[in-house]
Amino acid sequence: LRCGGRELLVEIAQRRGLPFVALSLDREEPDVPAVDIDDFGGAREAARHLAGLGHRRVAVLGIGLGPAPRLVPPEEVRATRFVNVRERARGFWAGMEEAGVPEEDVPVAAVRDDAADVDAAVGLLLDGPRPPTGLLAMSDRVAMAALDALAARGVAVPGRISVTGFD
């Protein structure tokens, strides 16, 4: 079962006593057998990659964080109900922390999986006081939309900014 939270399919399977394994639950469910990706570890590796390229001013394009586009404070990111979003943010922050970049220096911009949102968020980040030289996108589609937004602004990738997507 592919799930986003405790969906109807999980409830039905449990009530009927059917064997199942859920994929991609949106929150931890101790009584639901599930298989998922290592959101924390994968995101940390993406951040380590950018840090290894020398990037110290990075930003996150985060999905599942409510109204967008806008900058989201870390406590709001940690409070999201989506486990994968929380774990990816924690992984990005941990990877950059290893490179000496504290969490508060890694802004998170909320986006929907929508080109217009991503374009606006990229503009918000580039026009900010510390324009990033690296972008960590919480999905490959968001990373692709960021590449389009940067190209439309004449920003060279990877010359001026590097972009990585994790999904």
C-alpha atoms as a PDB file:
ATOM      1  CA  LEU A   1       0.000   0.000   0.000  1.00  0.00           C
ATOM      2  CA  ARG A   2       1.394   3.452  -0.930  1.00  0.00           C
ATOM      3  CA  CYS A   3       0.302   5.774   1.832  1.00  0.00           C
ATOM      4  CA  GLY A   4       0.307   9.348   2.965  1.00  0.00           C
ATOM      5  CA  GLY A   5      -0.631   9.140   6.626  1.00  0.00           C
ATOM      6  CA  ARG A   6      -2.965   6.547   8.069  1.00  0.00           C
ATOM      7  CA  GLU A   7      -5.090   6.189   4.968  1.00  0.00           C
ATOM      8  CA  LEU A   8      -8.232   4.260   4.364  1.00  0.00           C
ATOM      9  CA  LEU A   9      -6.347   1.360   2.728  1.00  0.00           C
ATOM     10  CA  VAL A  10      -4.337   0.798   5.904  1.00  0.00           C
ATOM     11  CA  GLU A  11      -7.491   0.896   8.038  1.00  0.00           C
ATOM     12  CA  ILE A  12      -9.303  -1.557   5.756  1.00  0.00           C
ATOM     13  CA  ALA A  13      -6.351  -3.967   5.595  1.00  0.00           C
ATOM     14  CA  GLN A  14      -6.002  -3.915   9.382  1.00  0.00           C
ATOM     15  CA  ARG A  15      -9.736  -4.424  10.012  1.00  0.00           C
ATOM     16  CA  ARG A  16      -9.861  -7.360   7.591  1.00  0.00           C
ATOM     17  CA  GLY A  17      -6.677  -8.889   8.989  1.00  0.00           C
ATOM     18  CA  LEU A  18      -4.973  -8.774   5.581  1.00  0.00           C
ATOM     19  CA  PRO A  19      -1.195  -8.944   5.416  1.00  0.00           C
ATOM     20  CA  PHE A  20       0.321  -5.751   3.989  1.00  0.00           C
ATOM     21  CA  VAL A  21       3.340  -3.468   4.025  1.00  0.00           C
ATOM     22  CA  ALA A  22       2.843   0.270   3.660  1.00  0.00           C
ATOM     23  CA  LEU A  23       5.148   2.512   1.635  1.00  0.00           C
ATOM     24  CA  SER A  24       5.948   6.111   2.528  1.00  0.00           C
ATOM     25  CA  LEU A  25       3.816   6.820   5.577  1.00  0.00           C
ATOM     26  CA  ASP A  26       3.638  10.524   6.418  1.00  0.00           C
ATOM     27  CA  ARG A  27       4.152   9.898  10.125  1.00  0.00           C
ATOM     28  CA  GLU A  28       5.521   7.147  12.292  1.00  0.00           C
ATOM     29  CA  GLU A  29       2.953   4.418  12.870  1.00  0.00           C
ATOM     30  CA  PRO A  30       4.380   1.784  15.246  1.00  0.00           C
ATOM     31  CA  ASP A  31       1.579  -0.700  14.480  1.00  0.00           C
ATOM     32  CA  VAL A  32       1.901  -0.424  10.674  1.00  0.00           C
ATOM     33  CA  PRO A  33       4.625  -2.428   8.909  1.00  0.00           C
ATOM     34  CA  ALA A  34       6.224   0.012   6.495  1.00  0.00           C
ATOM     35  CA  VAL A  35       9.143   0.423   4.130  1.00  0.00           C
ATOM     36  CA  ASP A  36      10.466   3.855   3.352  1.00  0.00           C
ATOM     37  CA  ILE A  37      13.586   5.642   2.163  1.00  0.00           C
ATOM     38  CA  ASP A  38      16.196   7.083   4.500  1.00  0.00           C
ATOM     39  CA  ASP A  39      15.071  10.696   4.270  1.00  0.00           C
ATOM     40  CA  PHE A  40      17.518  11.897   6.927  1.00  0.00           C
ATOM     41  CA  GLY A  41      20.532  10.024   5.540  1.00  0.00           C
ATOM     42  CA  GLY A  42      19.844  10.864   1.906  1.00  0.00           C
ATOM     43  CA  ALA A  43      19.327  14.542   2.645  1.00  0.00           C
ATOM     44  CA  ARG A  44      22.460  14.621   4.798  1.00  0.00           C
ATOM     45  CA  GLU A  45      24.446  13.141   1.899  1.00  0.00           C
ATOM     46  CA  ALA A  46      23.055  15.779  -0.480  1.00  0.00           C
ATOM     47  CA  ALA A  47      24.128  18.519   1.940  1.00  0.00           C
ATOM     48  CA  ARG A  48      27.539  16.901   2.380  1.00  0.00           C
ATOM     49  CA  HIS A  49      27.925  16.913  -1.396  1.00  0.00           C
ATOM     50  CA  LEU A  50      27.225  20.643  -1.641  1.00  0.00           C
ATOM     51  CA  ALA A  51      29.484  21.329   1.338  1.00  0.00           C
ATOM     52  CA  GLY A  52      32.183  19.220  -0.321  1.00  0.00           C
ATOM     53  CA  LEU A  53      31.949  21.505  -3.349  1.00  0.00           C
ATOM     54  CA  GLY A  54      32.705  24.417  -1.038  1.00  0.00           C
ATOM     55  CA  HIS A  55      29.181  25.757  -0.538  1.00  0.00           C
ATOM     56  CA  ARG A  56      28.538  27.428   2.804  1.00  0.00           C
ATOM     57  CA  ARG A  57      25.526  29.566   1.852  1.00  0.00           C
ATOM     58  CA  VAL A  58      22.791  27.077   1.051  1.00  0.00           C
ATOM     59  CA  ALA A  59      19.019  27.144   1.235  1.00  0.00           C
ATOM     60  CA  VAL A  60      16.332  24.476   1.204  1.00  0.00           C
ATOM     61  CA  LEU A  61      13.327  24.424  -1.094  1.00  0.00           C
ATOM     62  CA  GLY A  62      10.901  22.581   1.169  1.00  0.00           C
ATOM     63  CA  ILE A  63       7.648  20.879   0.244  1.00  0.00           C
ATOM     64  CA  GLY A  64       4.723  20.115   2.550  1.00  0.00           C
ATOM     65  CA  LEU A  65       5.193  23.221   4.691  1.00  0.00           C
ATOM     66  CA  GLY A  66       1.903  25.030   4.211  1.00  0.00           C
ATOM     67  CA  PRO A  67       1.341  28.323   2.429  1.00  0.00           C
ATOM     68  CA  ALA A  68       3.983  29.073  -0.160  1.00  0.00           C
ATOM     69  CA  PRO A  69       6.206  30.691  -1.200  1.00  0.00           C
ATOM     70  CA  ARG A  70       7.610  31.978   2.067  1.00  0.00           C
ATOM     71  CA  LEU A  71      10.508  31.475   4.452  1.00  0.00           C
ATOM     72  CA  VAL A  72       9.686  28.967   7.181  1.00  0.00           C
ATOM     73  CA  PRO A  73      11.311  29.070  10.635  1.00  0.00           C
ATOM     74  CA  PRO A  74      13.020  25.849  11.798  1.00  0.00           C
ATOM     75  CA  GLU A  75      10.492  25.268  14.588  1.00  0.00           C
ATOM     76  CA  GLU A  76       7.671  25.259  12.044  1.00  0.00           C
ATOM     77  CA  VAL A  77       9.571  22.798   9.842  1.00  0.00           C
ATOM     78  CA  ARG A  78      10.045  20.516  12.868  1.00  0.00           C
ATOM     79  CA  ALA A  79       6.316  20.754  13.645  1.00  0.00           C
ATOM     80  CA  THR A  80       5.086  19.579  10.245  1.00  0.00           C
ATOM     81  CA  ARG A  81       3.055  16.376  10.322  1.00  0.00           C
ATOM     82  CA  PHE A  82       5.008  14.997   7.358  1.00  0.00           C
ATOM     83  CA  VAL A  83       7.804  12.750   8.617  1.00  0.00           C
ATOM     84  CA  ASN A  84       9.656  12.810   5.294  1.00  0.00           C
ATOM     85  CA  VAL A  85       9.737  16.628   5.227  1.00  0.00           C
ATOM     86  CA  ARG A  86      10.964  16.822   8.830  1.00  0.00           C
ATOM     87  CA  GLU A  87      13.617  14.173   8.275  1.00  0.00           C
ATOM     88  CA  ARG A  88      14.872  15.707   5.036  1.00  0.00           C
ATOM     89  CA  ALA A  89      15.203  19.114   6.693  1.00  0.00           C
ATOM     90  CA  ARG A  90      17.010  17.551   9.670  1.00  0.00           C
ATOM     91  CA  GLY A  91      19.333  15.732   7.269  1.00  0.00           C
ATOM     92  CA  PHE A  92      20.103  18.875   5.260  1.00  0.00           C
ATOM     93  CA  TRP A  93      20.807  20.784   8.483  1.00  0.00           C
ATOM     94  CA  ALA A  94      22.985  17.971   9.872  1.00  0.00           C
ATOM     95  CA  GLY A  95      25.060  17.734   6.701  1.00  0.00           C
ATOM     96  CA  MET A  96      25.684  21.462   6.670  1.00  0.00           C
ATOM     97  CA  GLU A  97      26.359  21.519  10.427  1.00  0.00           C
ATOM     98  CA  GLU A  98      29.184  19.018   9.797  1.00  0.00           C
ATOM     99  CA  ALA A  99      30.687  21.642   7.480  1.00  0.00           C
ATOM    100  CA  GLY A 100      30.425  24.317  10.163  1.00  0.00           C
ATOM    101  CA  VAL A 101      27.202  25.915   8.907  1.00  0.00           C
ATOM    102  CA  PRO A 102      24.652  26.213  11.723  1.00  0.00           C
ATOM    103  CA  GLU A 103      20.999  25.378  11.155  1.00  0.00           C
ATOM    104  CA  GLU A 104      19.939  29.017  11.489  1.00  0.00           C
ATOM    105  CA  ASP A 105      22.144  29.856   8.466  1.00  0.00           C
ATOM    106  CA  VAL A 106      20.274  27.371   6.229  1.00  0.00           C
ATOM    107  CA  PRO A 107      16.948  29.011   5.360  1.00  0.00           C
ATOM    108  CA  VAL A 108      13.977  26.922   4.291  1.00  0.00           C
ATOM    109  CA  ALA A 109      11.611  28.308   1.666  1.00  0.00           C
ATOM    110  CA  ALA A 110       8.199  26.640   1.449  1.00  0.00           C
ATOM    111  CA  VAL A 111       7.107  25.672  -2.038  1.00  0.00           C
ATOM    112  CA  ARG A 112       4.379  23.564  -3.520  1.00  0.00           C
ATOM    113  CA  ASP A 113       5.289  21.197  -6.318  1.00  0.00           C
ATOM    114  CA  ASP A 114       4.492  24.030  -8.691  1.00  0.00           C
ATOM    115  CA  ALA A 115       6.797  25.925 -11.064  1.00  0.00           C
ATOM    116  CA  ALA A 116       5.363  29.339 -10.153  1.00  0.00           C
ATOM    117  CA  ASP A 117       5.920  28.726  -6.424  1.00  0.00           C
ATOM    118  CA  VAL A 118       9.457  27.524  -7.002  1.00  0.00           C
ATOM    119  CA  ASP A 119      10.197  30.530  -9.210  1.00  0.00           C
ATOM    120  CA  ALA A 120       8.921  32.911  -6.526  1.00  0.00           C
ATOM    121  CA  ALA A 121      10.880  31.115  -3.787  1.00  0.00           C
ATOM    122  CA  VAL A 122      14.083  31.188  -5.843  1.00  0.00           C
ATOM    123  CA  GLY A 123      13.571  34.933  -6.303  1.00  0.00           C
ATOM    124  CA  LEU A 124      12.951  35.361  -2.578  1.00  0.00           C
ATOM    125  CA  LEU A 125      16.188  33.539  -1.749  1.00  0.00           C
ATOM    126  CA  LEU A 126      18.337  35.229  -4.403  1.00  0.00           C
ATOM    127  CA  ASP A 127      17.100  38.682  -3.388  1.00  0.00           C
ATOM    128  CA  GLY A 128      17.712  38.012   0.317  1.00  0.00           C
ATOM    129  CA  PRO A 129      20.596  39.295   2.408  1.00  0.00           C
ATOM    130  CA  ARG A 130      22.674  36.111   1.915  1.00  0.00           C
ATOM    131  CA  PRO A 131      21.904  34.711  -1.546  1.00  0.00           C
ATOM    132  CA  PRO A 132      22.638  30.994  -1.594  1.00  0.00           C
ATOM    133  CA  THR A 133      25.328  29.403  -3.727  1.00  0.00           C
ATOM    134  CA  GLY A 134      23.628  26.025  -3.283  1.00  0.00           C
ATOM    135  CA  LEU A 135      20.022  24.851  -3.265  1.00  0.00           C
ATOM    136  CA  LEU A 136      18.810  21.653  -1.615  1.00  0.00           C
ATOM    137  CA  ALA A 137      15.424  20.696  -3.057  1.00  0.00           C
ATOM    138  CA  MET A 138      13.138  18.270  -1.226  1.00  0.00           C
ATOM    139  CA  SER A 139      12.019  16.765  -4.517  1.00  0.00           C
ATOM    140  CA  ASP A 140      13.495  16.236  -7.937  1.00  0.00           C
ATOM    141  CA  ARG A 141      10.585  18.076  -9.572  1.00  0.00           C
ATOM    142  CA  VAL A 142      11.258  21.089  -7.366  1.00  0.00           C
ATOM    143  CA  ALA A 143      14.960  20.898  -8.303  1.00  0.00           C
ATOM    144  CA  MET A 144      14.039  20.858 -11.999  1.00  0.00           C
ATOM    145  CA  ALA A 145      11.715  23.844 -11.536  1.00  0.00           C
ATOM    146  CA  ALA A 146      14.528  25.649  -9.673  1.00  0.00           C
ATOM    147  CA  LEU A 147      16.849  25.045 -12.629  1.00  0.00           C
ATOM    148  CA  ASP A 148      14.242  26.637 -14.916  1.00  0.00           C
ATOM    149  CA  ALA A 149      13.802  29.592 -12.541  1.00  0.00           C
ATOM    150  CA  LEU A 150      17.548  30.150 -12.364  1.00  0.00           C
ATOM    151  CA  ALA A 151      17.942  29.905 -16.145  1.00  0.00           C
ATOM    152  CA  ALA A 152      15.176  32.473 -16.622  1.00  0.00           C
ATOM    153  CA  ARG A 153      17.145  34.847 -14.373  1.00  0.00           C
ATOM    154  CA  GLY A 154      20.398  34.190 -16.236  1.00  0.00           C
ATOM    155  CA  VAL A 155      21.956  32.528 -13.173  1.00  0.00           C
ATOM    156  CA  ALA A 156      24.626  30.010 -14.206  1.00  0.00           C
ATOM    157  CA  VAL A 157      24.286  26.477 -12.848  1.00  0.00           C
ATOM    158  CA  PRO A 158      26.720  25.243 -11.568  1.00  0.00           C
ATOM    159  CA  GLY A 159      28.835  28.366 -12.122  1.00  0.00           C
ATOM    160  CA  ARG A 160      27.066  30.664  -9.670  1.00  0.00           C
ATOM    161  CA  ILE A 161      24.812  28.200  -7.874  1.00  0.00           C
ATOM    162  CA  SER A 162      24.546  24.422  -7.501  1.00  0.00           C
ATOM    163  CA  VAL A 163      21.219  22.614  -7.260  1.00  0.00           C
ATOM    164  CA  THR A 164      20.532  19.171  -5.847  1.00  0.00           C
ATOM    165  CA  GLY A 165      17.250  17.335  -5.568  1.00  0.00           C
ATOM    166  CA  PHE A 166      16.407  14.477  -3.252  1.00  0.00           C
ATOM    167  CA  ASP A 167      13.346  12.306  -3.733  1.00  0.00           C
END
